[in-house]
Amino acid sequence: MSQSNNIMDLLEAGLKAEGLRQRTIASNMANIETPGYRRLDVKFDELLAKALSSTSTVDLEKLEPEVYQPRKTPVRPNGNDVSIEAEVGGLLKNSLRHTAYVRLLQKRFTQIETAIRVGS
């Protein structure tokens, strides 16, 4: 990834992805007893890793999370594959990621604020 890409843009993209993942997990949990419902997931980590390892400039506006249907989980007799345990685990993991992104943003804003104070 080139130096011209802004860390703030990456953090914003991460927060957007975690927000989408939170809504996706909530939808999965709401449909836990819906016959034929197949769980959804969000693909972002792989896209972010690819952008970070790229040697060319990456348009962060195009770094968008993707909702997809994994179809790797066991299906119950009613055709539903949502596991409350897996979804709660996903919520916890998502919450930790979201907190990390927010803390990184806070640190970045503190750095900017300090630079402004020192420069004044």
N, C-alpha and C. Protein backbone atom coordinates (compact mmCIF):
# COMPACT_ATOMS: atom_id res chain seq x y z
N MET A 1 0.85 -1.16 0.00
CA MET A 1 0.00 0.00 0.00
C MET A 1 0.89 1.22 0.00
N SER A 2 0.58 2.21 -0.80
CA SER A 2 1.44 3.38 -0.89
C SER A 2 1.25 4.27 0.32
N GLN A 3 2.23 5.13 0.56
CA GLN A 3 2.19 6.03 1.70
C GLN A 3 1.08 7.07 1.57
N SER A 4 0.56 7.28 0.35
CA SER A 4 -0.45 8.31 0.15
C SER A 4 -1.82 7.92 0.73
N ASN A 5 -2.01 6.63 1.00
CA ASN A 5 -3.28 6.21 1.61
C ASN A 5 -3.30 6.61 3.07
N ASN A 6 -4.41 7.15 3.48
CA ASN A 6 -4.54 7.72 4.80
C ASN A 6 -5.04 6.69 5.81
N ILE A 7 -4.39 6.66 6.97
CA ILE A 7 -4.78 5.72 8.03
C ILE A 7 -6.20 5.99 8.49
N MET A 8 -6.61 7.24 8.45
CA MET A 8 -7.97 7.59 8.87
C MET A 8 -8.99 6.94 7.93
N ASP A 9 -8.69 6.91 6.65
CA ASP A 9 -9.59 6.28 5.68
C ASP A 9 -9.68 4.78 5.92
N LEU A 10 -8.56 4.16 6.28
CA LEU A 10 -8.57 2.73 6.58
C LEU A 10 -9.40 2.43 7.82
N LEU A 11 -9.24 3.26 8.84
CA LEU A 11 -10.02 3.07 10.06
C LEU A 11 -11.51 3.28 9.80
N GLU A 12 -11.82 4.27 8.98
CA GLU A 12 -13.23 4.51 8.62
C GLU A 12 -13.80 3.31 7.88
N ALA A 13 -13.04 2.76 6.95
CA ALA A 13 -13.50 1.58 6.22
C ALA A 13 -13.72 0.41 7.18
N GLY A 14 -12.83 0.25 8.14
CA GLY A 14 -12.97 -0.81 9.14
C GLY A 14 -14.22 -0.63 9.98
N LEU A 15 -14.48 0.60 10.40
CA LEU A 15 -15.69 0.86 11.19
C LEU A 15 -16.96 0.59 10.39
N LYS A 16 -16.94 0.95 9.11
CA LYS A 16 -18.10 0.67 8.25
C LYS A 16 -18.32 -0.83 8.14
N ALA A 17 -17.24 -1.57 7.96
CA ALA A 17 -17.34 -3.02 7.83
C ALA A 17 -17.88 -3.64 9.12
N GLU A 18 -17.41 -3.17 10.27
CA GLU A 18 -17.90 -3.72 11.53
C GLU A 18 -19.36 -3.37 11.76
N GLY A 19 -19.78 -2.20 11.32
CA GLY A 19 -21.20 -1.83 11.42
C GLY A 19 -22.07 -2.76 10.58
N LEU A 20 -21.60 -3.03 9.35
CA LEU A 20 -22.32 -3.95 8.47
C LEU A 20 -22.33 -5.36 9.06
N ARG A 21 -21.21 -5.77 9.62
CA ARG A 21 -21.14 -7.10 10.23
C ARG A 21 -22.09 -7.20 11.42
N GLN A 22 -22.19 -6.14 12.21
CA GLN A 22 -23.10 -6.12 13.36
C GLN A 22 -24.55 -6.31 12.89
N ARG A 23 -24.94 -5.58 11.83
CA ARG A 23 -26.30 -5.71 11.30
C ARG A 23 -26.54 -7.10 10.71
N THR A 24 -25.52 -7.67 10.09
CA THR A 24 -25.64 -9.00 9.50
C THR A 24 -25.82 -10.06 10.58
N ILE A 25 -25.04 -9.96 11.64
CA ILE A 25 -25.17 -10.91 12.75
C ILE A 25 -26.55 -10.77 13.40
N ALA A 26 -27.01 -9.54 13.58
CA ALA A 26 -28.34 -9.31 14.17
C ALA A 26 -29.42 -9.93 13.29
N SER A 27 -29.27 -9.82 11.97
CA SER A 27 -30.23 -10.43 11.05
C SER A 27 -30.20 -11.95 11.16
N ASN A 28 -29.00 -12.51 11.26
CA ASN A 28 -28.89 -13.96 11.44
C ASN A 28 -29.61 -14.41 12.71
N MET A 29 -29.37 -13.69 13.80
CA MET A 29 -29.99 -14.06 15.07
C MET A 29 -31.51 -13.89 15.02
N ALA A 30 -31.98 -12.88 14.33
CA ALA A 30 -33.43 -12.66 14.22
C ALA A 30 -34.10 -13.77 13.42
N ASN A 31 -33.33 -14.41 12.55
CA ASN A 31 -33.88 -15.46 11.69
C ASN A 31 -33.49 -16.86 12.13
N ILE A 32 -33.13 -17.02 13.38
CA ILE A 32 -32.64 -18.31 13.86
C ILE A 32 -33.66 -19.44 13.71
N GLU A 33 -34.94 -19.12 13.75
CA GLU A 33 -35.98 -20.15 13.61
C GLU A 33 -36.71 -20.08 12.27
N THR A 34 -36.24 -19.23 11.36
CA THR A 34 -36.89 -19.11 10.05
C THR A 34 -36.51 -20.30 9.18
N PRO A 35 -37.49 -21.11 8.77
CA PRO A 35 -37.18 -22.26 7.92
C PRO A 35 -36.51 -21.83 6.61
N GLY A 36 -35.45 -22.52 6.26
CA GLY A 36 -34.75 -22.26 5.00
C GLY A 36 -33.78 -21.08 5.03
N TYR A 37 -33.72 -20.35 6.14
CA TYR A 37 -32.82 -19.21 6.20
C TYR A 37 -31.37 -19.69 6.30
N ARG A 38 -30.53 -19.14 5.47
CA ARG A 38 -29.09 -19.45 5.51
C ARG A 38 -28.36 -18.21 6.00
N ARG A 39 -27.47 -18.42 6.95
CA ARG A 39 -26.76 -17.30 7.57
C ARG A 39 -25.93 -16.52 6.56
N LEU A 40 -25.73 -15.26 6.87
CA LEU A 40 -24.90 -14.38 6.06
C LEU A 40 -23.66 -14.00 6.85
N ASP A 41 -22.62 -13.60 6.14
CA ASP A 41 -21.39 -13.15 6.78
C ASP A 41 -20.85 -11.98 5.96
N VAL A 42 -19.84 -11.31 6.50
CA VAL A 42 -19.25 -10.16 5.83
C VAL A 42 -17.78 -10.45 5.55
N LYS A 43 -17.39 -10.21 4.31
CA LYS A 43 -15.99 -10.38 3.90
C LYS A 43 -15.36 -8.98 3.86
N PHE A 44 -14.40 -8.75 4.73
CA PHE A 44 -13.68 -7.48 4.71
C PHE A 44 -12.20 -7.68 5.03
N ASP A 45 -11.90 -8.57 5.96
CA ASP A 45 -10.51 -8.75 6.40
C ASP A 45 -9.59 -9.10 5.23
N GLU A 46 -10.06 -9.98 4.35
CA GLU A 46 -9.25 -10.38 3.19
C GLU A 46 -9.04 -9.20 2.25
N LEU A 47 -10.10 -8.39 2.07
CA LEU A 47 -10.00 -7.23 1.19
C LEU A 47 -9.03 -6.20 1.76
N LEU A 48 -9.09 -6.00 3.07
CA LEU A 48 -8.19 -5.06 3.73
C LEU A 48 -6.74 -5.54 3.63
N ALA A 49 -6.51 -6.82 3.89
CA ALA A 49 -5.16 -7.38 3.80
C ALA A 49 -4.59 -7.21 2.39
N LYS A 50 -5.43 -7.44 1.40
CA LYS A 50 -4.99 -7.29 0.00
C LYS A 50 -4.63 -5.84 -0.29
N ALA A 51 -5.45 -4.90 0.21
CA ALA A 51 -5.18 -3.48 0.01
C ALA A 51 -3.88 -3.07 0.70
N LEU A 52 -3.67 -3.57 1.92
CA LEU A 52 -2.46 -3.21 2.67
C LEU A 52 -1.20 -3.78 2.05
N SER A 53 -1.30 -4.92 1.40
CA SER A 53 -0.11 -5.54 0.81
C SER A 53 0.13 -5.08 -0.63
N SER A 54 -0.78 -4.33 -1.17
CA SER A 54 -0.64 -3.85 -2.55
C SER A 54 0.48 -2.82 -2.65
N THR A 55 1.23 -2.88 -3.72
CA THR A 55 2.31 -1.91 -3.93
C THR A 55 1.81 -0.68 -4.68
N SER A 56 0.62 -0.76 -5.24
CA SER A 56 0.06 0.39 -5.96
C SER A 56 -0.92 1.14 -5.06
N THR A 57 -1.29 2.32 -5.49
CA THR A 57 -2.24 3.13 -4.73
C THR A 57 -3.61 2.47 -4.78
N VAL A 58 -4.24 2.37 -3.63
CA VAL A 58 -5.55 1.74 -3.53
C VAL A 58 -6.59 2.82 -3.28
N ASP A 59 -7.66 2.79 -4.05
CA ASP A 59 -8.76 3.73 -3.84
C ASP A 59 -9.60 3.22 -2.69
N LEU A 60 -9.48 3.88 -1.55
CA LEU A 60 -10.16 3.41 -0.35
C LEU A 60 -11.68 3.55 -0.46
N GLU A 61 -12.15 4.38 -1.38
CA GLU A 61 -13.58 4.48 -1.61
C GLU A 61 -14.13 3.15 -2.15
N LYS A 62 -13.28 2.39 -2.80
CA LYS A 62 -13.70 1.11 -3.38
C LYS A 62 -13.49 -0.06 -2.42
N LEU A 63 -12.92 0.21 -1.25
CA LEU A 63 -12.69 -0.83 -0.25
C LEU A 63 -13.98 -1.00 0.54
N GLU A 64 -14.88 -1.80 0.00
CA GLU A 64 -16.20 -2.00 0.58
C GLU A 64 -16.35 -3.44 1.06
N PRO A 65 -16.91 -3.61 2.25
CA PRO A 65 -17.18 -4.97 2.73
C PRO A 65 -18.24 -5.65 1.86
N GLU A 66 -18.16 -6.96 1.78
CA GLU A 66 -19.10 -7.73 0.96
C GLU A 66 -19.90 -8.69 1.84
N VAL A 67 -21.21 -8.68 1.68
CA VAL A 67 -22.07 -9.65 2.38
C VAL A 67 -22.17 -10.87 1.48
N TYR A 68 -21.98 -12.03 2.07
CA TYR A 68 -22.05 -13.27 1.30
C TYR A 68 -22.63 -14.38 2.17
N GLN A 69 -22.98 -15.47 1.53
CA GLN A 69 -23.53 -16.64 2.22
C GLN A 69 -22.46 -17.73 2.23
N PRO A 70 -21.87 -18.01 3.41
CA PRO A 70 -20.76 -18.98 3.46
C PRO A 70 -21.14 -20.41 3.09
N ARG A 71 -22.32 -20.87 3.48
CA ARG A 71 -22.79 -22.23 3.19
C ARG A 71 -21.80 -23.31 3.64
N LYS A 72 -21.11 -23.06 4.76
CA LYS A 72 -20.16 -24.04 5.29
C LYS A 72 -20.66 -24.65 6.59
N THR A 73 -21.74 -24.12 7.12
CA THR A 73 -22.23 -24.58 8.41
C THR A 73 -23.29 -25.67 8.24
N PRO A 74 -23.41 -26.55 9.22
CA PRO A 74 -24.40 -27.63 9.12
C PRO A 74 -25.83 -27.07 9.09
N VAL A 75 -26.65 -27.68 8.27
CA VAL A 75 -28.04 -27.26 8.12
C VAL A 75 -28.93 -28.17 8.95
N ARG A 76 -29.82 -27.54 9.71
CA ARG A 76 -30.78 -28.31 10.52
C ARG A 76 -31.90 -28.82 9.61
N PRO A 77 -32.75 -29.71 10.10
CA PRO A 77 -33.82 -30.28 9.29
C PRO A 77 -34.76 -29.24 8.66
N ASN A 78 -34.90 -28.06 9.28
CA ASN A 78 -35.78 -27.03 8.71
C ASN A 78 -35.07 -26.18 7.66
N GLY A 79 -33.82 -26.55 7.32
CA GLY A 79 -33.09 -25.83 6.27
C GLY A 79 -32.34 -24.60 6.77
N ASN A 80 -32.36 -24.35 8.06
CA ASN A 80 -31.71 -23.19 8.66
C ASN A 80 -30.33 -23.61 9.17
N ASP A 81 -29.35 -22.74 9.01
CA ASP A 81 -28.00 -23.08 9.47
C ASP A 81 -27.44 -22.09 10.50
N VAL A 82 -28.29 -21.30 11.14
CA VAL A 82 -27.84 -20.32 12.12
C VAL A 82 -27.60 -21.00 13.46
N SER A 83 -26.43 -20.76 14.04
CA SER A 83 -26.08 -21.28 15.36
C SER A 83 -25.96 -20.09 16.30
N ILE A 84 -26.75 -20.08 17.36
CA ILE A 84 -26.72 -18.96 18.29
C ILE A 84 -25.33 -18.82 18.92
N GLU A 85 -24.67 -19.93 19.19
CA GLU A 85 -23.33 -19.88 19.78
C GLU A 85 -22.35 -19.19 18.84
N ALA A 86 -22.39 -19.55 17.57
CA ALA A 86 -21.49 -18.95 16.59
C ALA A 86 -21.79 -17.46 16.41
N GLU A 87 -23.06 -17.10 16.42
CA GLU A 87 -23.44 -15.69 16.24
C GLU A 87 -23.02 -14.84 17.44
N VAL A 88 -23.20 -15.37 18.65
CA VAL A 88 -22.79 -14.64 19.85
C VAL A 88 -21.26 -14.49 19.84
N GLY A 89 -20.56 -15.53 19.45
CA GLY A 89 -19.10 -15.43 19.31
C GLY A 89 -18.71 -14.38 18.29
N GLY A 90 -19.45 -14.34 17.18
CA GLY A 90 -19.20 -13.32 16.16
C GLY A 90 -19.45 -11.92 16.68
N LEU A 91 -20.50 -11.77 17.50
CA LEU A 91 -20.80 -10.46 18.10
C LEU A 91 -19.65 -10.00 18.99
N LEU A 92 -19.13 -10.92 19.78
CA LEU A 92 -18.03 -10.58 20.68
C LEU A 92 -16.79 -10.16 19.89
N LYS A 93 -16.45 -10.95 18.90
CA LYS A 93 -15.28 -10.65 18.07
C LYS A 93 -15.47 -9.31 17.35
N ASN A 94 -16.67 -9.07 16.85
CA ASN A 94 -16.97 -7.83 16.15
C ASN A 94 -16.87 -6.63 17.10
N SER A 95 -17.35 -6.80 18.31
CA SER A 95 -17.30 -5.74 19.30
C SER A 95 -15.84 -5.38 19.63
N LEU A 96 -14.99 -6.39 19.75
CA LEU A 96 -13.58 -6.15 20.03
C LEU A 96 -12.90 -5.41 18.88
N ARG A 97 -13.21 -5.79 17.66
CA ARG A 97 -12.65 -5.10 16.49
C ARG A 97 -13.10 -3.65 16.45
N HIS A 98 -14.41 -3.46 16.68
CA HIS A 98 -14.97 -2.11 16.66
C HIS A 98 -14.27 -1.24 17.71
N THR A 99 -14.09 -1.77 18.90
CA THR A 99 -13.42 -1.04 19.97
C THR A 99 -11.98 -0.69 19.57
N ALA A 100 -11.29 -1.62 18.93
CA ALA A 100 -9.92 -1.36 18.49
C ALA A 100 -9.88 -0.23 17.47
N TYR A 101 -10.79 -0.25 16.49
CA TYR A 101 -10.83 0.82 15.50
C TYR A 101 -11.11 2.18 16.16
N VAL A 102 -12.05 2.21 17.08
CA VAL A 102 -12.40 3.46 17.75
C VAL A 102 -11.21 3.97 18.56
N ARG A 103 -10.53 3.09 19.27
CA ARG A 103 -9.36 3.51 20.06
C ARG A 103 -8.23 4.03 19.17
N LEU A 104 -8.03 3.38 18.05
CA LEU A 104 -7.01 3.86 17.11
C LEU A 104 -7.38 5.25 16.58
N LEU A 105 -8.65 5.45 16.28
CA LEU A 105 -9.09 6.78 15.83
C LEU A 105 -8.89 7.81 16.93
N GLN A 106 -9.22 7.46 18.15
CA GLN A 106 -9.02 8.38 19.28
C GLN A 106 -7.56 8.77 19.41
N LYS A 107 -6.66 7.80 19.29
CA LYS A 107 -5.23 8.08 19.38
C LYS A 107 -4.79 9.00 18.25
N ARG A 108 -5.31 8.75 17.07
CA ARG A 108 -4.95 9.60 15.92
C ARG A 108 -5.43 11.03 16.13
N PHE A 109 -6.66 11.20 16.63
CA PHE A 109 -7.18 12.54 16.89
C PHE A 109 -6.38 13.22 18.00
N THR A 110 -5.95 12.48 18.99
CA THR A 110 -5.13 13.04 20.06
C THR A 110 -3.79 13.52 19.50
N GLN A 111 -3.21 12.75 18.59
CA GLN A 111 -1.96 13.15 17.95
C GLN A 111 -2.13 14.45 17.16
N ILE A 112 -3.23 14.53 16.44
CA ILE A 112 -3.51 15.74 15.64
C ILE A 112 -3.70 16.93 16.57
N GLU A 113 -4.47 16.73 17.63
CA GLU A 113 -4.72 17.80 18.60
C GLU A 113 -3.41 18.26 19.24
N THR A 114 -2.55 17.34 19.59
CA THR A 114 -1.24 17.68 20.18
C THR A 114 -0.40 18.46 19.19
N ALA A 115 -0.40 18.04 17.95
CA ALA A 115 0.38 18.75 16.92
C ALA A 115 -0.13 20.17 16.74
N ILE A 116 -1.42 20.36 16.81
CA ILE A 116 -2.00 21.69 16.67
C ILE A 116 -1.58 22.57 17.85
N ARG A 117 -1.65 22.03 19.06
CA ARG A 117 -1.28 22.78 20.26
C ARG A 117 0.19 23.16 20.24
N VAL A 118 1.03 22.22 19.84
CA VAL A 118 2.47 22.48 19.80
C VAL A 118 2.81 23.52 18.73
N GLY A 119 2.10 23.46 17.63
CA GLY A 119 2.35 24.39 16.53
C GLY A 119 1.80 25.79 16.75
N SER A 120 0.94 25.95 17.75
CA SER A 120 0.31 27.25 17.99
C SER A 120 1.19 28.15 18.80
